[in-house]
Amino acid sequence: MDSLITILVFAVVGVSALIAIGTIFVGGDPRDQIGGDSGGTGGGRRPGPDFSGEETPEMQEQDARHMIEGRNRRRIARGQEPLDVEAELARLRALTGPPVVDPEAEAEARAVIAARNARRRRRGEPEGDVEAEVAALLEAARDLEPPSGA
């Protein structure tokens, strides 16, 4: 009886090992299947819209509209008066206009660029485009600046 159980255990382990080895060779690299379609079982991701990474102004406005409508649903649920969606969109459009440049910051940026061009002249290098470098310096400073109200 003990020999029959031993033979049965070794047979099951052997068959399982053969199945595992076969799966490794036939299945390919499992990392290639991550995030892929699960073969129609419903467990995988469904293909979404083709998104190139560029957000168009129409997409931004649609997203803003959805967020305002969601805010209105929460306001109504709390018993508050809903916001006018079009007026709120107009307010948001006004906020996204060209940034206002502080004249002192622009003067300081021009002084930095003038000094940079003077160093270039002394080394015999060509001078840079003042307007482009001022704009780039102001943009870099704007990115480093903490948002107002923080």
N, C-alpha and C. Protein backbone atom coordinates (compact mmCIF):
# COMPACT_ATOMS: atom_id res chain seq x y z
N MET A 1 0.82 -1.18 0.00
CA MET A 1 0.00 0.00 0.00
C MET A 1 0.86 1.25 0.00
N ASP A 2 1.98 1.23 0.82
CA ASP A 2 2.87 2.38 0.87
C ASP A 2 3.54 2.61 -0.48
N SER A 3 3.86 1.55 -1.17
CA SER A 3 4.52 1.72 -2.47
C SER A 3 3.55 2.30 -3.50
N LEU A 4 2.26 1.98 -3.41
CA LEU A 4 1.27 2.53 -4.33
C LEU A 4 1.10 4.03 -4.12
N ILE A 5 1.09 4.49 -2.87
CA ILE A 5 0.96 5.92 -2.58
C ILE A 5 2.22 6.66 -3.04
N THR A 6 3.37 6.05 -2.82
CA THR A 6 4.63 6.67 -3.25
C THR A 6 4.66 6.81 -4.76
N ILE A 7 4.25 5.78 -5.49
CA ILE A 7 4.22 5.83 -6.95
C ILE A 7 3.23 6.90 -7.42
N LEU A 8 2.07 6.96 -6.78
CA LEU A 8 1.05 7.95 -7.15
C LEU A 8 1.54 9.38 -6.92
N VAL A 9 2.21 9.63 -5.78
CA VAL A 9 2.73 10.97 -5.48
C VAL A 9 3.79 11.35 -6.50
N PHE A 10 4.73 10.45 -6.80
CA PHE A 10 5.77 10.75 -7.78
C PHE A 10 5.18 10.97 -9.17
N ALA A 11 4.16 10.24 -9.53
CA ALA A 11 3.52 10.40 -10.84
C ALA A 11 2.85 11.77 -10.94
N VAL A 12 2.15 12.18 -9.90
CA VAL A 12 1.47 13.48 -9.91
C VAL A 12 2.50 14.61 -9.98
N VAL A 13 3.56 14.50 -9.18
CA VAL A 13 4.61 15.53 -9.19
C VAL A 13 5.30 15.57 -10.55
N GLY A 14 5.56 14.43 -11.14
CA GLY A 14 6.21 14.37 -12.45
C GLY A 14 5.35 14.99 -13.54
N VAL A 15 4.06 14.64 -13.56
CA VAL A 15 3.16 15.21 -14.56
C VAL A 15 3.03 16.72 -14.36
N SER A 16 2.95 17.17 -13.13
CA SER A 16 2.86 18.61 -12.84
C SER A 16 4.12 19.34 -13.31
N ALA A 17 5.28 18.72 -13.09
CA ALA A 17 6.53 19.33 -13.53
C ALA A 17 6.58 19.44 -15.05
N LEU A 18 6.13 18.41 -15.74
CA LEU A 18 6.10 18.45 -17.21
C LEU A 18 5.14 19.54 -17.71
N ILE A 19 4.00 19.69 -17.08
CA ILE A 19 3.05 20.74 -17.46
C ILE A 19 3.65 22.12 -17.21
N ALA A 20 4.33 22.29 -16.07
CA ALA A 20 4.95 23.58 -15.76
C ALA A 20 6.04 23.92 -16.77
N ILE A 21 6.88 22.96 -17.12
CA ILE A 21 7.95 23.20 -18.09
C ILE A 21 7.35 23.52 -19.46
N GLY A 22 6.33 22.79 -19.84
CA GLY A 22 5.66 23.06 -21.13
C GLY A 22 5.05 24.45 -21.16
N THR A 23 4.47 24.89 -20.07
CA THR A 23 3.86 26.22 -20.00
C THR A 23 4.93 27.31 -20.13
N ILE A 24 6.07 27.09 -19.53
CA ILE A 24 7.16 28.07 -19.62
C ILE A 24 7.59 28.25 -21.06
N PHE A 25 7.76 27.14 -21.79
CA PHE A 25 8.24 27.23 -23.17
C PHE A 25 7.17 27.71 -24.13
N VAL A 26 5.94 27.32 -23.94
CA VAL A 26 4.87 27.68 -24.87
C VAL A 26 4.30 29.07 -24.56
N GLY A 27 4.24 29.43 -23.29
CA GLY A 27 3.58 30.67 -22.89
C GLY A 27 4.37 31.93 -23.20
N GLY A 28 5.67 31.86 -23.38
CA GLY A 28 6.47 33.05 -23.63
C GLY A 28 6.73 33.82 -22.35
N ASP A 29 7.18 35.06 -22.51
CA ASP A 29 7.52 35.89 -21.36
C ASP A 29 6.24 36.46 -20.74
N PRO A 30 5.96 36.18 -19.47
CA PRO A 30 4.73 36.67 -18.87
C PRO A 30 4.69 38.19 -18.77
N ARG A 31 5.87 38.84 -18.77
CA ARG A 31 5.88 40.31 -18.69
C ARG A 31 5.31 40.94 -19.94
N ASP A 32 5.36 40.21 -21.06
CA ASP A 32 4.79 40.74 -22.30
C ASP A 32 3.27 40.78 -22.24
N GLN A 33 2.67 40.01 -21.36
CA GLN A 33 1.22 39.92 -21.28
C GLN A 33 0.62 40.88 -20.27
N ILE A 34 1.45 41.57 -19.49
CA ILE A 34 0.94 42.48 -18.48
C ILE A 34 0.22 43.64 -19.16
N GLY A 35 -0.99 43.91 -18.75
CA GLY A 35 -1.77 45.02 -19.30
C GLY A 35 -2.43 44.68 -20.63
N GLY A 36 -2.22 43.48 -21.11
CA GLY A 36 -2.82 43.10 -22.39
C GLY A 36 -4.23 42.59 -22.22
N ASP A 37 -4.85 42.26 -23.34
CA ASP A 37 -6.20 41.71 -23.30
C ASP A 37 -6.14 40.30 -22.74
N SER A 38 -7.08 39.97 -21.90
CA SER A 38 -7.05 38.67 -21.23
C SER A 38 -7.73 37.59 -22.05
N GLY A 39 -7.88 37.79 -23.33
CA GLY A 39 -8.46 36.76 -24.18
C GLY A 39 -9.97 36.72 -24.11
N GLY A 40 -10.61 37.82 -23.80
CA GLY A 40 -12.06 37.88 -23.81
C GLY A 40 -12.71 37.40 -22.53
N THR A 41 -11.94 37.18 -21.48
CA THR A 41 -12.53 36.70 -20.24
C THR A 41 -13.13 37.84 -19.42
N GLY A 42 -12.88 39.09 -19.83
CA GLY A 42 -13.45 40.21 -19.10
C GLY A 42 -12.57 40.71 -17.98
N GLY A 43 -11.45 40.02 -17.70
CA GLY A 43 -10.60 40.43 -16.61
C GLY A 43 -9.56 41.47 -17.00
N GLY A 44 -9.31 41.63 -18.29
CA GLY A 44 -8.28 42.56 -18.75
C GLY A 44 -8.85 43.94 -19.01
N ARG A 45 -7.96 44.82 -19.41
CA ARG A 45 -8.40 46.18 -19.74
C ARG A 45 -9.08 46.20 -21.09
N ARG A 46 -10.03 47.04 -21.21
CA ARG A 46 -10.66 47.25 -22.49
C ARG A 46 -9.90 48.34 -23.22
N PRO A 47 -9.78 48.23 -24.54
CA PRO A 47 -9.07 49.28 -25.26
C PRO A 47 -9.80 50.61 -25.14
N GLY A 48 -9.04 51.65 -24.79
CA GLY A 48 -9.63 52.97 -24.63
C GLY A 48 -9.50 53.78 -25.89
N PRO A 49 -9.86 55.05 -25.83
CA PRO A 49 -9.74 55.90 -27.00
C PRO A 49 -8.27 56.11 -27.35
N ASP A 50 -8.01 56.34 -28.62
CA ASP A 50 -6.64 56.61 -29.05
C ASP A 50 -6.26 57.99 -28.58
N PHE A 51 -5.33 58.06 -27.64
CA PHE A 51 -4.92 59.34 -27.07
C PHE A 51 -3.46 59.56 -27.35
N SER A 52 -3.16 60.62 -28.10
CA SER A 52 -1.79 60.87 -28.51
C SER A 52 -0.98 61.60 -27.46
N GLY A 53 -1.63 62.07 -26.40
CA GLY A 53 -0.92 62.82 -25.37
C GLY A 53 -1.11 64.32 -25.51
N GLU A 54 -1.59 64.76 -26.65
CA GLU A 54 -1.85 66.18 -26.87
C GLU A 54 -3.30 66.47 -26.51
N GLU A 55 -3.49 67.40 -25.61
CA GLU A 55 -4.83 67.76 -25.20
C GLU A 55 -5.26 69.01 -25.97
N THR A 56 -6.33 68.88 -26.71
CA THR A 56 -6.81 70.00 -27.51
C THR A 56 -7.62 70.95 -26.64
N PRO A 57 -7.80 72.19 -27.08
CA PRO A 57 -8.63 73.12 -26.30
C PRO A 57 -10.07 72.62 -26.13
N GLU A 58 -10.57 71.90 -27.12
CA GLU A 58 -11.93 71.36 -27.00
C GLU A 58 -12.00 70.33 -25.88
N MET A 59 -10.95 69.50 -25.77
CA MET A 59 -10.91 68.51 -24.70
C MET A 59 -10.81 69.17 -23.34
N GLN A 60 -10.00 70.25 -23.25
CA GLN A 60 -9.87 70.97 -21.99
C GLN A 60 -11.21 71.58 -21.58
N GLU A 61 -11.91 72.17 -22.55
CA GLU A 61 -13.20 72.78 -22.22
C GLU A 61 -14.21 71.72 -21.81
N GLN A 62 -14.20 70.59 -22.49
CA GLN A 62 -15.13 69.51 -22.13
C GLN A 62 -14.83 68.99 -20.72
N ASP A 63 -13.53 68.83 -20.39
CA ASP A 63 -13.16 68.40 -19.04
C ASP A 63 -13.61 69.42 -18.00
N ALA A 64 -13.40 70.71 -18.29
CA ALA A 64 -13.81 71.75 -17.35
C ALA A 64 -15.32 71.74 -17.16
N ARG A 65 -16.04 71.55 -18.26
CA ARG A 65 -17.51 71.51 -18.17
C ARG A 65 -17.95 70.34 -17.30
N HIS A 66 -17.32 69.17 -17.48
CA HIS A 66 -17.68 68.00 -16.67
C HIS A 66 -17.39 68.25 -15.19
N MET A 67 -16.26 68.89 -14.90
CA MET A 67 -15.92 69.16 -13.50
C MET A 67 -16.91 70.14 -12.88
N ILE A 68 -17.31 71.16 -13.63
CA ILE A 68 -18.27 72.14 -13.10
C ILE A 68 -19.62 71.48 -12.88
N GLU A 69 -20.02 70.61 -13.82
CA GLU A 69 -21.30 69.91 -13.64
C GLU A 69 -21.25 68.99 -12.43
N GLY A 70 -20.11 68.33 -12.21
CA GLY A 70 -19.96 67.49 -11.02
C GLY A 70 -20.01 68.32 -9.74
N ARG A 71 -19.39 69.49 -9.78
CA ARG A 71 -19.44 70.40 -8.63
C ARG A 71 -20.88 70.83 -8.37
N ASN A 72 -21.63 71.08 -9.44
CA ASN A 72 -23.03 71.47 -9.27
C ASN A 72 -23.85 70.34 -8.64
N ARG A 73 -23.58 69.10 -9.06
CA ARG A 73 -24.31 67.98 -8.45
C ARG A 73 -24.03 67.89 -6.95
N ARG A 74 -22.77 68.10 -6.56
CA ARG A 74 -22.44 68.08 -5.13
C ARG A 74 -23.09 69.25 -4.40
N ARG A 75 -23.11 70.43 -5.03
CA ARG A 75 -23.73 71.59 -4.40
C ARG A 75 -25.24 71.37 -4.20
N ILE A 76 -25.88 70.80 -5.21
CA ILE A 76 -27.33 70.52 -5.10
C ILE A 76 -27.59 69.50 -4.00
N ALA A 77 -26.72 68.47 -3.92
CA ALA A 77 -26.89 67.45 -2.88
C ALA A 77 -26.74 68.04 -1.49
N ARG A 78 -25.92 69.09 -1.35
CA ARG A 78 -25.76 69.76 -0.05
C ARG A 78 -26.82 70.82 0.18
N GLY A 79 -27.68 71.05 -0.80
CA GLY A 79 -28.74 72.04 -0.64
C GLY A 79 -28.31 73.45 -1.04
N GLN A 80 -27.19 73.57 -1.73
CA GLN A 80 -26.72 74.89 -2.16
C GLN A 80 -27.20 75.20 -3.57
N GLU A 81 -27.09 76.45 -3.93
CA GLU A 81 -27.48 76.90 -5.26
C GLU A 81 -26.42 76.47 -6.28
N PRO A 82 -26.83 75.88 -7.41
CA PRO A 82 -25.83 75.47 -8.41
C PRO A 82 -25.21 76.68 -9.12
N LEU A 83 -24.00 76.50 -9.62
CA LEU A 83 -23.32 77.55 -10.37
C LEU A 83 -23.79 77.56 -11.81
N ASP A 84 -23.68 78.73 -12.45
CA ASP A 84 -23.97 78.83 -13.88
C ASP A 84 -22.76 78.28 -14.63
N VAL A 85 -22.95 77.20 -15.38
CA VAL A 85 -21.85 76.51 -16.04
C VAL A 85 -21.15 77.43 -17.03
N GLU A 86 -21.91 78.14 -17.86
CA GLU A 86 -21.31 78.99 -18.88
C GLU A 86 -20.54 80.15 -18.26
N ALA A 87 -21.07 80.74 -17.19
CA ALA A 87 -20.37 81.85 -16.53
C ALA A 87 -19.08 81.36 -15.88
N GLU A 88 -19.12 80.17 -15.30
CA GLU A 88 -17.92 79.61 -14.69
C GLU A 88 -16.87 79.27 -15.76
N LEU A 89 -17.30 78.76 -16.91
CA LEU A 89 -16.37 78.49 -18.01
C LEU A 89 -15.74 79.79 -18.51
N ALA A 90 -16.54 80.85 -18.62
CA ALA A 90 -16.01 82.15 -19.06
C ALA A 90 -14.97 82.66 -18.05
N ARG A 91 -15.23 82.47 -16.76
CA ARG A 91 -14.28 82.90 -15.73
C ARG A 91 -12.98 82.12 -15.85
N LEU A 92 -13.08 80.81 -16.11
CA LEU A 92 -11.88 79.99 -16.26
C LEU A 92 -11.10 80.37 -17.52
N ARG A 93 -11.82 80.69 -18.61
CA ARG A 93 -11.13 81.12 -19.84
C ARG A 93 -10.35 82.40 -19.59
N ALA A 94 -10.92 83.31 -18.78
CA ALA A 94 -10.23 84.58 -18.50
C ALA A 94 -8.97 84.33 -17.67
N LEU A 95 -8.98 83.30 -16.83
CA LEU A 95 -7.81 83.00 -16.01
C LEU A 95 -6.67 82.38 -16.81
N THR A 96 -6.98 81.76 -17.95
CA THR A 96 -5.96 81.05 -18.71
C THR A 96 -5.38 81.90 -19.83
N GLY A 97 -5.55 83.21 -19.77
CA GLY A 97 -4.96 84.09 -20.77
C GLY A 97 -3.46 84.14 -20.62
N PRO A 98 -2.81 85.00 -21.42
CA PRO A 98 -1.36 85.10 -21.31
C PRO A 98 -0.95 85.60 -19.94
N PRO A 99 0.14 85.09 -19.41
CA PRO A 99 0.55 85.49 -18.06
C PRO A 99 0.99 86.95 -18.03
N VAL A 100 0.71 87.60 -16.92
CA VAL A 100 1.11 88.98 -16.72
C VAL A 100 2.54 88.97 -16.18
N VAL A 101 3.41 89.73 -16.83
CA VAL A 101 4.82 89.76 -16.44
C VAL A 101 5.05 90.99 -15.57
N ASP A 102 5.67 90.75 -14.43
CA ASP A 102 6.04 91.83 -13.53
C ASP A 102 7.15 92.65 -14.18
N PRO A 103 6.98 93.99 -14.31
CA PRO A 103 8.02 94.80 -14.97
C PRO A 103 9.38 94.72 -14.26
N GLU A 104 9.38 94.61 -12.94
CA GLU A 104 10.64 94.49 -12.22
C GLU A 104 11.34 93.18 -12.54
N ALA A 105 10.57 92.11 -12.64
CA ALA A 105 11.15 90.81 -12.98
C ALA A 105 11.71 90.83 -14.40
N GLU A 106 10.99 91.48 -15.31
CA GLU A 106 11.47 91.57 -16.68
C GLU A 106 12.76 92.39 -16.75
N ALA A 107 12.83 93.48 -16.01
CA ALA A 107 14.05 94.31 -16.00
C ALA A 107 15.22 93.52 -15.42
N GLU A 108 14.95 92.75 -14.37
CA GLU A 108 16.01 91.95 -13.78
C GLU A 108 16.48 90.86 -14.75
N ALA A 109 15.53 90.25 -15.47
CA ALA A 109 15.90 89.23 -16.45
C ALA A 109 16.73 89.85 -17.57
N ARG A 110 16.37 91.06 -18.01
CA ARG A 110 17.15 91.74 -19.06
C ARG A 110 18.57 92.03 -18.57
N ALA A 111 18.71 92.41 -17.29
CA ALA A 111 20.04 92.68 -16.75
C ALA A 111 20.88 91.40 -16.71
N VAL A 112 20.25 90.28 -16.36
CA VAL A 112 20.97 89.01 -16.33
C VAL A 112 21.42 88.63 -17.74
N ILE A 113 20.55 88.81 -18.72
CA ILE A 113 20.88 88.46 -20.10
C ILE A 113 21.96 89.41 -20.64
N ALA A 114 21.90 90.69 -20.28
CA ALA A 114 22.93 91.65 -20.71
C ALA A 114 24.29 91.24 -20.15
N ALA A 115 24.34 90.85 -18.89
CA ALA A 115 25.60 90.40 -18.29
C ALA A 115 26.08 89.11 -18.96
N ARG A 116 25.18 88.23 -19.28
CA ARG A 116 25.54 86.98 -19.95
C ARG A 116 26.14 87.28 -21.34
N ASN A 117 25.51 88.22 -22.07
CA ASN A 117 26.02 88.59 -23.39
C ASN A 117 27.38 89.28 -23.29
N ALA A 118 27.59 90.06 -22.23
CA ALA A 118 28.89 90.71 -22.04
C ALA A 118 29.97 89.67 -21.81
N ARG A 119 29.69 88.64 -21.03
CA ARG A 119 30.66 87.56 -20.83
C ARG A 119 30.94 86.83 -22.14
N ARG A 120 29.89 86.62 -22.94
CA ARG A 120 30.08 85.97 -24.23
C ARG A 120 30.97 86.80 -25.14
N ARG A 121 30.76 88.13 -25.14
CA ARG A 121 31.58 89.02 -25.97
C ARG A 121 33.05 88.93 -25.55
N ARG A 122 33.30 88.92 -24.24
CA ARG A 122 34.68 88.84 -23.75
C ARG A 122 35.36 87.54 -24.16
N ARG A 123 34.59 86.45 -24.23
CA ARG A 123 35.16 85.15 -24.61
C ARG A 123 35.23 84.99 -26.13
N GLY A 124 34.67 85.96 -26.86
CA GLY A 124 34.68 85.88 -28.31
C GLY A 124 33.57 85.02 -28.88
N GLU A 125 32.55 84.73 -28.09
CA GLU A 125 31.42 83.92 -28.54
C GLU A 125 30.32 84.84 -29.07
N PRO A 126 29.46 84.32 -29.92
CA PRO A 126 28.35 85.15 -30.42
C PRO A 126 27.32 85.39 -29.31
N GLU A 127 26.71 86.57 -29.35
CA GLU A 127 25.70 86.91 -28.35
C GLU A 127 24.40 86.18 -28.66
N GLY A 128 23.61 85.95 -27.63
CA GLY A 128 22.33 85.28 -27.79
C GLY A 128 21.22 86.27 -28.11
N ASP A 129 20.07 85.74 -28.49
CA ASP A 129 18.90 86.55 -28.77
C ASP A 129 18.31 87.02 -27.44
N VAL A 130 18.32 88.33 -27.22
CA VAL A 130 17.93 88.89 -25.92
C VAL A 130 16.47 88.56 -25.61
N GLU A 131 15.58 88.81 -26.57
CA GLU A 131 14.15 88.60 -26.32
C GLU A 131 13.83 87.14 -26.02
N ALA A 132 14.42 86.24 -26.78
CA ALA A 132 14.16 84.81 -26.57
C ALA A 132 14.71 84.36 -25.22
N GLU A 133 15.89 84.85 -24.85
CA GLU A 133 16.47 84.44 -23.58
C GLU A 133 15.73 85.04 -22.40
N VAL A 134 15.23 86.27 -22.54
CA VAL A 134 14.43 86.88 -21.48
C VAL A 134 13.15 86.08 -21.28
N ALA A 135 12.49 85.72 -22.40
CA ALA A 135 11.25 84.94 -22.31
C ALA A 135 11.51 83.58 -21.66
N ALA A 136 12.62 82.94 -22.03
CA ALA A 136 12.94 81.62 -21.44
C ALA A 136 13.25 81.75 -19.95
N LEU A 137 13.96 82.80 -19.57
CA LEU A 137 14.29 83.01 -18.15
C LEU A 137 13.04 83.30 -17.33
N LEU A 138 12.14 84.12 -17.87
CA LEU A 138 10.89 84.41 -17.15
C LEU A 138 10.02 83.16 -17.04
N GLU A 139 10.01 82.33 -18.09
CA GLU A 139 9.24 81.08 -18.05
C GLU A 139 9.80 80.14 -17.00
N ALA A 140 11.13 80.05 -16.93
CA ALA A 140 11.75 79.18 -15.93
C ALA A 140 11.45 79.70 -14.52
N ALA A 141 11.48 81.02 -14.34
CA ALA A 141 11.16 81.59 -13.02
C ALA A 141 9.71 81.35 -12.67
N ARG A 142 8.82 81.40 -13.65
CA ARG A 142 7.40 81.18 -13.41
C ARG A 142 7.15 79.73 -12.98
N ASP A 143 7.92 78.80 -13.56
CA ASP A 143 7.77 77.39 -13.18
C ASP A 143 8.25 77.13 -11.76
N LEU A 144 9.25 77.89 -11.31
CA LEU A 144 9.79 77.70 -9.96
C LEU A 144 8.93 78.39 -8.89
N GLU A 145 8.16 79.37 -9.31
CA GLU A 145 7.38 80.18 -8.39
C GLU A 145 6.23 79.37 -7.79
N PRO A 146 6.05 79.40 -6.47
CA PRO A 146 4.92 78.68 -5.87
C PRO A 146 3.62 79.35 -6.28
N PRO A 147 2.54 78.58 -6.40
CA PRO A 147 1.26 79.17 -6.78
C PRO A 147 0.78 80.16 -5.74
N SER A 148 0.07 81.18 -6.20
CA SER A 148 -0.42 82.20 -5.26
C SER A 148 -1.44 81.58 -4.32
N GLY A 149 -1.41 82.01 -3.09
CA GLY A 149 -2.33 81.46 -2.09
C GLY A 149 -1.74 80.29 -1.32
N ALA A 150 -0.51 79.89 -1.68
CA ALA A 150 0.10 78.75 -0.98
C ALA A 150 1.00 79.23 0.13
